């Protein structure tokens, strides 16, 4: 959505990551899929990343996608999934 609508204003800032910190950027296709218990949600995403933070970024991403697929079960993924992870070394 960034840059798509001219009338929107965005705040700019700086965040300093410490060694081992992980930056997570994602689309709503990661957090909004639902099952009988509700949306997958941001807190579940953060829990999966925290639980697997000792793994490679690729492995963490795979864990998020696997957990998301388990969350929605046999349902079709309703939206595109974009997940970008970066780690400060």
PDB file of N, CA and C in Angstrom:
ATOM      1  N   UNK A   1       0.802  -1.194   0.000  1.00  0.00           N
ATOM      2  CA  UNK A   1       0.000   0.000   0.000  1.00  0.00           C
ATOM      3  C   UNK A   1       0.853   1.271   0.000  1.00  0.00           C
ATOM      4  N   UNK A   2       2.068   1.188   0.447  1.00  0.00           N
ATOM      5  CA  UNK A   2       2.910   2.379   0.503  1.00  0.00           C
ATOM      6  C   UNK A   2       3.095   2.907  -0.913  1.00  0.00           C
ATOM      7  N   UNK A   3       2.752   4.179  -1.121  1.00  0.00           N
ATOM      8  CA  UNK A   3       2.903   4.806  -2.417  1.00  0.00           C
ATOM      9  C   UNK A   3       1.702   4.651  -3.329  1.00  0.00           C
ATOM     10  N   UNK A   4       0.715   3.852  -2.958  1.00  0.00           N
ATOM     11  CA  UNK A   4      -0.443   3.614  -3.806  1.00  0.00           C
ATOM     12  C   UNK A   4      -1.433   4.776  -3.757  1.00  0.00           C
ATOM     13  N   UNK A   5      -1.603   5.361  -2.582  1.00  0.00           N
ATOM     14  CA  UNK A   5      -2.561   6.445  -2.404  1.00  0.00           C
ATOM     15  C   UNK A   5      -1.823   7.731  -2.046  1.00  0.00           C
ATOM     16  N   UNK A   6      -1.955   8.744  -2.887  1.00  0.00           N
ATOM     17  CA  UNK A   6      -1.229  10.001  -2.709  1.00  0.00           C
ATOM     18  C   UNK A   6      -1.604  10.748  -1.438  1.00  0.00           C
ATOM     19  N   UNK A   7      -2.864  10.673  -1.001  1.00  0.00           N
ATOM     20  CA  UNK A   7      -3.314  11.486   0.123  1.00  0.00           C
ATOM     21  C   UNK A   7      -2.909  10.941   1.497  1.00  0.00           C
ATOM     22  N   UNK A   8      -2.360   9.767   1.558  1.00  0.00           N
ATOM     23  CA  UNK A   8      -1.930   9.218   2.842  1.00  0.00           C
ATOM     24  C   UNK A   8      -0.602   9.823   3.274  1.00  0.00           C
ATOM     25  N   UNK A   9      -0.487  10.040   4.565  1.00  0.00           N
ATOM     26  CA  UNK A   9       0.764  10.554   5.114  1.00  0.00           C
ATOM     27  C   UNK A   9       1.407   9.457   5.956  1.00  0.00           C
ATOM     28  N   UNK A  10       2.713   9.363   5.870  1.00  0.00           N
ATOM     29  CA  UNK A  10       3.457   8.331   6.589  1.00  0.00           C
ATOM     30  C   UNK A  10       4.476   8.990   7.495  1.00  0.00           C
ATOM     31  N   UNK A  11       4.601   8.466   8.673  1.00  0.00           N
ATOM     32  CA  UNK A  11       5.632   8.958   9.585  1.00  0.00           C
ATOM     33  C   UNK A  11       6.934   8.243   9.284  1.00  0.00           C
ATOM     34  N   UNK A  12       8.007   8.961   9.406  1.00  0.00           N
ATOM     35  CA  UNK A  12       9.322   8.390   9.187  1.00  0.00           C
ATOM     36  C   UNK A  12      10.052   8.361  10.512  1.00  0.00           C
ATOM     37  N   UNK A  13      10.780   7.300  10.758  1.00  0.00           N
ATOM     38  CA  UNK A  13      11.527   7.193  11.993  1.00  0.00           C
ATOM     39  C   UNK A  13      12.683   6.236  11.838  1.00  0.00           C
ATOM     40  N   UNK A  14      13.427   6.100  12.883  1.00  0.00           N
ATOM     41  CA  UNK A  14      14.582   5.220  12.897  1.00  0.00           C
ATOM     42  C   UNK A  14      14.481   4.286  14.089  1.00  0.00           C
ATOM     43  N   UNK A  15      14.773   3.035  13.858  1.00  0.00           N
ATOM     44  CA  UNK A  15      14.813   2.047  14.923  1.00  0.00           C
ATOM     45  C   UNK A  15      16.184   1.384  14.871  1.00  0.00           C
ATOM     46  N   UNK A  16      16.835   1.313  15.999  1.00  0.00           N
ATOM     47  CA  UNK A  16      18.129   0.653  16.070  1.00  0.00           C
ATOM     48  C   UNK A  16      17.926  -0.755  16.605  1.00  0.00           C
ATOM     49  N   UNK A  17      18.374  -1.729  15.832  1.00  0.00           N
ATOM     50  CA  UNK A  17      18.259  -3.113  16.245  1.00  0.00           C
ATOM     51  C   UNK A  17      19.517  -3.533  16.976  1.00  0.00           C
ATOM     52  N   UNK A  18      19.330  -4.276  18.046  1.00  0.00           N
ATOM     53  CA  UNK A  18      20.459  -4.830  18.769  1.00  0.00           C
ATOM     54  C   UNK A  18      20.882  -6.146  18.142  1.00  0.00           C
ATOM     55  N   UNK A  19      22.028  -6.634  18.530  1.00  0.00           N
ATOM     56  CA  UNK A  19      22.534  -7.900  18.010  1.00  0.00           C
ATOM     57  C   UNK A  19      21.514  -9.007  18.290  1.00  0.00           C
ATOM     58  N   UNK A  20      21.139  -9.720  17.240  1.00  0.00           N
ATOM     59  CA  UNK A  20      20.186 -10.821  17.361  1.00  0.00           C
ATOM     60  C   UNK A  20      18.735 -10.414  17.190  1.00  0.00           C
ATOM     61  N   UNK A  21      18.443  -9.107  17.187  1.00  0.00           N
ATOM     62  CA  UNK A  21      17.062  -8.653  16.981  1.00  0.00           C
ATOM     63  C   UNK A  21      16.598  -9.033  15.583  1.00  0.00           C
ATOM     64  N   UNK A  22      15.299  -9.308  15.459  1.00  0.00           N
ATOM     65  CA  UNK A  22      14.722  -9.685  14.177  1.00  0.00           C
ATOM     66  C   UNK A  22      13.655  -8.669  13.793  1.00  0.00           C
ATOM     67  N   UNK A  23      13.767  -8.140  12.578  1.00  0.00           N
ATOM     68  CA  UNK A  23      12.766  -7.262  12.001  1.00  0.00           C
ATOM     69  C   UNK A  23      11.790  -8.139  11.227  1.00  0.00           C
ATOM     70  N   UNK A  24      10.485  -7.925  11.436  1.00  0.00           N
ATOM     71  CA  UNK A  24       9.452  -8.702  10.753  1.00  0.00           C
ATOM     72  C   UNK A  24       8.576  -7.743   9.958  1.00  0.00           C
ATOM     73  N   UNK A  25       8.476  -7.957   8.655  1.00  0.00           N
ATOM     74  CA  UNK A  25       7.557  -7.218   7.792  1.00  0.00           C
ATOM     75  C   UNK A  25       6.649  -8.261   7.148  1.00  0.00           C
ATOM     76  N   UNK A  26       5.348  -7.968   7.119  1.00  0.00           N
ATOM     77  CA  UNK A  26       4.409  -8.982   6.637  1.00  0.00           C
ATOM     78  C   UNK A  26       3.162  -8.333   6.064  1.00  0.00           C
ATOM     79  N   UNK A  27       2.461  -9.091   5.227  1.00  0.00           N
ATOM     80  CA  UNK A  27       1.186  -8.631   4.682  1.00  0.00           C
ATOM     81  C   UNK A  27       0.047  -9.175   5.543  1.00  0.00           C
ATOM     82  N   UNK A  28      -1.136  -8.651   5.305  1.00  0.00           N
ATOM     83  CA  UNK A  28      -2.301  -9.119   6.062  1.00  0.00           C
ATOM     84  C   UNK A  28      -2.642 -10.581   5.775  1.00  0.00           C
ATOM     85  N   UNK A  29      -2.085 -11.133   4.705  1.00  0.00           N
ATOM     86  CA  UNK A  29      -2.296 -12.549   4.413  1.00  0.00           C
ATOM     87  C   UNK A  29      -1.657 -13.463   5.441  1.00  0.00           C
ATOM     88  N   UNK A  30      -0.744 -12.914   6.261  1.00  0.00           N
ATOM     89  CA  UNK A  30      -0.121 -13.686   7.335  1.00  0.00           C
ATOM     90  C   UNK A  30      -0.979 -13.642   8.596  1.00  0.00           C
ATOM     91  N   UNK A  31      -1.523 -12.493   8.928  1.00  0.00           N
ATOM     92  CA  UNK A  31      -2.201 -12.333  10.215  1.00  0.00           C
ATOM     93  C   UNK A  31      -3.715 -12.481  10.167  1.00  0.00           C
ATOM     94  N   UNK A  32      -4.351 -12.318   9.010  1.00  0.00           N
ATOM     95  CA  UNK A  32      -5.810 -12.307   8.961  1.00  0.00           C
ATOM     96  C   UNK A  32      -6.502 -13.632   8.669  1.00  0.00           C
ATOM     97  N   UNK A  33      -5.817 -14.682   8.191  1.00  0.00           N
ATOM     98  CA  UNK A  33      -6.539 -15.940   7.980  1.00  0.00           C
ATOM     99  C   UNK A  33      -7.197 -16.428   9.279  1.00  0.00           C
ATOM    100  N   UNK A  34      -8.397 -16.991   9.138  1.00  0.00           N
ATOM    101  CA  UNK A  34      -9.190 -17.391  10.295  1.00  0.00           C
ATOM    102  C   UNK A  34      -9.494 -18.879  10.296  1.00  0.00           C
ATOM    103  N   UNK A  35      -9.786 -19.356  11.486  1.00  0.00           N
ATOM    104  CA  UNK A  35     -10.401 -20.666  11.670  1.00  0.00           C
ATOM    105  C   UNK A  35     -11.504 -20.473  12.706  1.00  0.00           C
ATOM    106  N   UNK A  36     -12.004 -21.542  13.291  1.00  0.00           N
ATOM    107  CA  UNK A  36     -13.096 -21.438  14.267  1.00  0.00           C
ATOM    108  C   UNK A  36     -12.705 -20.656  15.518  1.00  0.00           C
ATOM    109  N   UNK A  37     -11.408 -20.478  15.754  1.00  0.00           N
ATOM    110  CA  UNK A  37     -10.931 -19.780  16.939  1.00  0.00           C
ATOM    111  C   UNK A  37     -10.630 -18.308  16.676  1.00  0.00           C
ATOM    112  N   UNK A  38     -10.761 -17.855  15.431  1.00  0.00           N
ATOM    113  CA  UNK A  38     -10.507 -16.462  15.087  1.00  0.00           C
ATOM    114  C   UNK A  38      -9.340 -16.312  14.132  1.00  0.00           C
ATOM    115  N   UNK A  39      -8.803 -15.083  14.081  1.00  0.00           N
ATOM    116  CA  UNK A  39      -7.679 -14.781  13.200  1.00  0.00           C
ATOM    117  C   UNK A  39      -6.376 -15.380  13.726  1.00  0.00           C
ATOM    118  N   UNK A  40      -5.462 -15.621  12.794  1.00  0.00           N
ATOM    119  CA  UNK A  40      -4.119 -16.054  13.173  1.00  0.00           C
ATOM    120  C   UNK A  40      -3.483 -14.992  14.057  1.00  0.00           C
ATOM    121  N   UNK A  41      -3.493 -13.740  13.621  1.00  0.00           N
ATOM    122  CA  UNK A  41      -3.123 -12.605  14.444  1.00  0.00           C
ATOM    123  C   UNK A  41      -1.637 -12.330  14.603  1.00  0.00           C
ATOM    124  N   UNK A  42      -1.360 -11.100  15.002  1.00  0.00           N
ATOM    125  CA  UNK A  42       0.018 -10.660  15.211  1.00  0.00           C
ATOM    126  C   UNK A  42       0.671 -11.352  16.400  1.00  0.00           C
ATOM    127  N   UNK A  43      -0.075 -11.568  17.467  1.00  0.00           N
ATOM    128  CA  UNK A  43       0.530 -12.186  18.651  1.00  0.00           C
ATOM    129  C   UNK A  43       0.974 -13.612  18.356  1.00  0.00           C
ATOM    130  N   UNK A  44       0.217 -14.336  17.552  1.00  0.00           N
ATOM    131  CA  UNK A  44       0.613 -15.702  17.186  1.00  0.00           C
ATOM    132  C   UNK A  44       1.847 -15.676  16.296  1.00  0.00           C
ATOM    133  N   UNK A  45       1.887 -14.732  15.355  1.00  0.00           N
ATOM    134  CA  UNK A  45       3.068 -14.566  14.503  1.00  0.00           C
ATOM    135  C   UNK A  45       4.301 -14.304  15.353  1.00  0.00           C
ATOM    136  N   UNK A  46       4.203 -13.363  16.288  1.00  0.00           N
ATOM    137  CA  UNK A  46       5.339 -13.046  17.156  1.00  0.00           C
ATOM    138  C   UNK A  46       5.743 -14.239  18.007  1.00  0.00           C
ATOM    139  N   UNK A  47       4.776 -15.000  18.473  1.00  0.00           N
ATOM    140  CA  UNK A  47       5.087 -16.186  19.286  1.00  0.00           C
ATOM    141  C   UNK A  47       5.903 -17.202  18.487  1.00  0.00           C
ATOM    142  N   UNK A  48       5.503 -17.436  17.244  1.00  0.00           N
ATOM    143  CA  UNK A  48       6.225 -18.402  16.398  1.00  0.00           C
ATOM    144  C   UNK A  48       7.646 -17.918  16.146  1.00  0.00           C
ATOM    145  N   UNK A  49       7.812 -16.633  15.836  1.00  0.00           N
ATOM    146  CA  UNK A  49       9.145 -16.091  15.585  1.00  0.00           C
ATOM    147  C   UNK A  49      10.000 -16.169  16.848  1.00  0.00           C
ATOM    148  N   UNK A  50       9.441 -15.801  17.994  1.00  0.00           N
ATOM    149  CA  UNK A  50      10.202 -15.868  19.254  1.00  0.00           C
ATOM    150  C   UNK A  50      10.619 -17.305  19.579  1.00  0.00           C
ATOM    151  N   UNK A  51       9.703 -18.233  19.394  1.00  0.00           N
ATOM    152  CA  UNK A  51       9.986 -19.636  19.732  1.00  0.00           C
ATOM    153  C   UNK A  51      11.119 -20.201  18.876  1.00  0.00           C
ATOM    154  N   UNK A  52      11.251 -19.704  17.653  1.00  0.00           N
ATOM    155  CA  UNK A  52      12.242 -20.260  16.713  1.00  0.00           C
ATOM    156  C   UNK A  52      13.359 -19.277  16.400  1.00  0.00           C
ATOM    157  N   UNK A  53      13.534 -18.237  17.228  1.00  0.00           N
ATOM    158  CA  UNK A  53      14.508 -17.173  16.940  1.00  0.00           C
ATOM    159  C   UNK A  53      15.945 -17.676  16.839  1.00  0.00           C
ATOM    160  N   UNK A  54      16.245 -18.839  17.396  1.00  0.00           N
ATOM    161  CA  UNK A  54      17.594 -19.391  17.336  1.00  0.00           C
ATOM    162  C   UNK A  54      17.903 -20.030  15.974  1.00  0.00           C
ATOM    163  N   UNK A  55      16.869 -20.224  15.139  1.00  0.00           N
ATOM    164  CA  UNK A  55      17.039 -20.845  13.826  1.00  0.00           C
ATOM    165  C   UNK A  55      17.429 -19.808  12.778  1.00  0.00           C
ATOM    166  N   UNK A  56      17.771 -20.273  11.584  1.00  0.00           N
ATOM    167  CA  UNK A  56      18.041 -19.366  10.468  1.00  0.00           C
ATOM    168  C   UNK A  56      16.747 -18.635  10.095  1.00  0.00           C
ATOM    169  N   UNK A  57      16.879 -17.501   9.431  1.00  0.00           N
ATOM    170  CA  UNK A  57      15.691 -16.752   9.010  1.00  0.00           C
ATOM    171  C   UNK A  57      14.822 -17.573   8.072  1.00  0.00           C
ATOM    172  N   UNK A  58      15.446 -18.341   7.204  1.00  0.00           N
ATOM    173  CA  UNK A  58      14.686 -19.211   6.296  1.00  0.00           C
ATOM    174  C   UNK A  58      13.875 -20.235   7.095  1.00  0.00           C
ATOM    175  N   UNK A  59      14.483 -20.833   8.106  1.00  0.00           N
ATOM    176  CA  UNK A  59      13.785 -21.825   8.924  1.00  0.00           C
ATOM    177  C   UNK A  59      12.654 -21.176   9.735  1.00  0.00           C
ATOM    178  N   UNK A  60      12.881 -19.963  10.230  1.00  0.00           N
ATOM    179  CA  UNK A  60      11.821 -19.255  10.957  1.00  0.00           C
ATOM    180  C   UNK A  60      10.647 -19.000  10.017  1.00  0.00           C
ATOM    181  N   UNK A  61      10.940 -18.541   8.821  1.00  0.00           N
ATOM    182  CA  UNK A  61       9.897 -18.287   7.830  1.00  0.00           C
ATOM    183  C   UNK A  61       9.110 -19.557   7.535  1.00  0.00           C
ATOM    184  N   UNK A  62       9.807 -20.662   7.369  1.00  0.00           N
ATOM    185  CA  UNK A  62       9.142 -21.936   7.124  1.00  0.00           C
ATOM    186  C   UNK A  62       8.242 -22.330   8.297  1.00  0.00           C
ATOM    187  N   UNK A  63       8.687 -22.071   9.511  1.00  0.00           N
ATOM    188  CA  UNK A  63       7.877 -22.376  10.698  1.00  0.00           C
ATOM    189  C   UNK A  63       6.612 -21.512  10.725  1.00  0.00           C
ATOM    190  N   UNK A  64       6.745 -20.236  10.368  1.00  0.00           N
ATOM    191  CA  UNK A  64       5.573 -19.357  10.333  1.00  0.00           C
ATOM    192  C   UNK A  64       4.575 -19.870   9.301  1.00  0.00           C
ATOM    193  N   UNK A  65       5.045 -20.184   8.104  1.00  0.00           N
ATOM    194  CA  UNK A  65       4.159 -20.651   7.034  1.00  0.00           C
ATOM    195  C   UNK A  65       3.511 -21.977   7.418  1.00  0.00           C
ATOM    196  N   UNK A  66       4.278 -22.889   7.994  1.00  0.00           N
ATOM    197  CA  UNK A  66       3.729 -24.185   8.416  1.00  0.00           C
ATOM    198  C   UNK A  66       2.655 -23.985   9.498  1.00  0.00           C
ATOM    199  N   UNK A  67       2.920 -23.114  10.462  1.00  0.00           N
ATOM    200  CA  UNK A  67       1.959 -22.849  11.529  1.00  0.00           C
ATOM    201  C   UNK A  67       0.712 -22.186  10.969  1.00  0.00           C
ATOM    202  N   UNK A  68       0.883 -21.273  10.026  1.00  0.00           N
ATOM    203  CA  UNK A  68      -0.251 -20.618   9.376  1.00  0.00           C
ATOM    204  C   UNK A  68      -1.101 -21.632   8.617  1.00  0.00           C
ATOM    205  N   UNK A  69      -0.456 -22.532   7.883  1.00  0.00           N
ATOM    206  CA  UNK A  69      -1.193 -23.562   7.148  1.00  0.00           C
ATOM    207  C   UNK A  69      -1.957 -24.473   8.104  1.00  0.00           C
ATOM    208  N   UNK A  70      -1.344 -24.822   9.222  1.00  0.00           N
ATOM    209  CA  UNK A  70      -2.037 -25.639  10.228  1.00  0.00           C
ATOM    210  C   UNK A  70      -3.227 -24.888  10.802  1.00  0.00           C
ATOM    211  N   UNK A  71      -3.084 -23.568  10.976  1.00  0.00           N
ATOM    212  CA  UNK A  71      -4.144 -22.739  11.539  1.00  0.00           C
ATOM    213  C   UNK A  71      -5.388 -22.754  10.650  1.00  0.00           C
ATOM    214  N   UNK A  72      -5.181 -22.639   9.315  1.00  0.00           N
ATOM    215  CA  UNK A  72      -6.337 -22.579   8.427  1.00  0.00           C
ATOM    216  C   UNK A  72      -6.821 -23.958   7.999  1.00  0.00           C
ATOM    217  N   UNK A  73      -6.023 -24.995   8.258  1.00  0.00           N
ATOM    218  CA  UNK A  73      -6.455 -26.366   7.961  1.00  0.00           C
ATOM    219  C   UNK A  73      -6.693 -26.592   6.484  1.00  0.00           C
ATOM    220  N   UNK A  74      -7.841 -27.190   6.168  1.00  0.00           N
ATOM    221  CA  UNK A  74      -8.167 -27.527   4.781  1.00  0.00           C
ATOM    222  C   UNK A  74      -8.681 -26.337   3.972  1.00  0.00           C
ATOM    223  N   UNK A  75      -8.871 -25.202   4.628  1.00  0.00           N
ATOM    224  CA  UNK A  75      -9.371 -24.025   3.920  1.00  0.00           C
ATOM    225  C   UNK A  75      -8.314 -23.506   2.956  1.00  0.00           C
ATOM    226  N   UNK A  76      -8.771 -22.855   1.911  1.00  0.00           N
ATOM    227  CA  UNK A  76      -7.851 -22.234   0.963  1.00  0.00           C
ATOM    228  C   UNK A  76      -7.286 -20.954   1.580  1.00  0.00           C
ATOM    229  N   UNK A  77      -6.005 -20.699   1.343  1.00  0.00           N
ATOM    230  CA  UNK A  77      -5.383 -19.458   1.818  1.00  0.00           C
ATOM    231  C   UNK A  77      -6.130 -18.300   1.165  1.00  0.00           C
ATOM    232  N   UNK A  78      -6.745 -17.419   1.968  1.00  0.00           N
ATOM    233  CA  UNK A  78      -7.607 -16.380   1.401  1.00  0.00           C
ATOM    234  C   UNK A  78      -6.883 -15.187   0.772  1.00  0.00           C
ATOM    235  N   UNK A  79      -5.598 -15.053   0.983  1.00  0.00           N
ATOM    236  CA  UNK A  79      -4.891 -13.855   0.533  1.00  0.00           C
ATOM    237  C   UNK A  79      -3.437 -14.214   0.256  1.00  0.00           C
ATOM    238  N   UNK A  80      -2.736 -13.310  -0.420  1.00  0.00           N
ATOM    239  CA  UNK A  80      -1.310 -13.532  -0.636  1.00  0.00           C
ATOM    240  C   UNK A  80      -0.568 -13.452   0.700  1.00  0.00           C
ATOM    241  N   UNK A  81       0.551 -14.130   0.774  1.00  0.00           N
ATOM    242  CA  UNK A  81       1.364 -14.138   1.991  1.00  0.00           C
ATOM    243  C   UNK A  81       2.726 -13.540   1.662  1.00  0.00           C
ATOM    244  N   UNK A  82       3.049 -12.448   2.350  1.00  0.00           N
ATOM    245  CA  UNK A  82       4.362 -11.834   2.223  1.00  0.00           C
ATOM    246  C   UNK A  82       4.972 -11.775   3.609  1.00  0.00           C
ATOM    247  N   UNK A  83       6.156 -12.342   3.746  1.00  0.00           N
ATOM    248  CA  UNK A  83       6.855 -12.358   5.028  1.00  0.00           C
ATOM    249  C   UNK A  83       8.325 -12.079   4.762  1.00  0.00           C
ATOM    250  N   UNK A  84       8.836 -11.009   5.384  1.00  0.00           N
ATOM    251  CA  UNK A  84      10.237 -10.629   5.238  1.00  0.00           C
ATOM    252  C   UNK A  84      10.840 -10.568   6.631  1.00  0.00           C
ATOM    253  N   UNK A  85      11.931 -11.299   6.822  1.00  0.00           N
ATOM    254  CA  UNK A  85      12.642 -11.303   8.096  1.00  0.00           C
ATOM    255  C   UNK A  85      14.069 -10.821   7.874  1.00  0.00           C
ATOM    256  N   UNK A  86      14.563 -10.028   8.800  1.00  0.00           N
ATOM    257  CA  UNK A  86      15.961  -9.581   8.757  1.00  0.00           C
ATOM    258  C   UNK A  86      16.500  -9.622  10.188  1.00  0.00           C
ATOM    259  N   UNK A  87      17.749 -10.042  10.329  1.00  0.00           N
ATOM    260  CA  UNK A  87      18.361 -10.152  11.677  1.00  0.00           C
ATOM    261  C   UNK A  87      19.616  -9.291  11.751  1.00  0.00           C
ATOM    262  N   UNK A  88      19.730  -8.555  12.830  1.00  0.00           N
ATOM    263  CA  UNK A  88      20.941  -7.764  13.080  1.00  0.00           C
ATOM    264  C   UNK A  88      22.027  -8.695  13.588  1.00  0.00           C
ATOM    265  N   UNK A  89      23.190  -8.586  13.033  1.00  0.00           N
ATOM    266  CA  UNK A  89      24.327  -9.422  13.455  1.00  0.00           C
ATOM    267  C   UNK A  89      25.375  -8.588  14.138  1.00  0.00           C
TER     268      UNK A  89
END
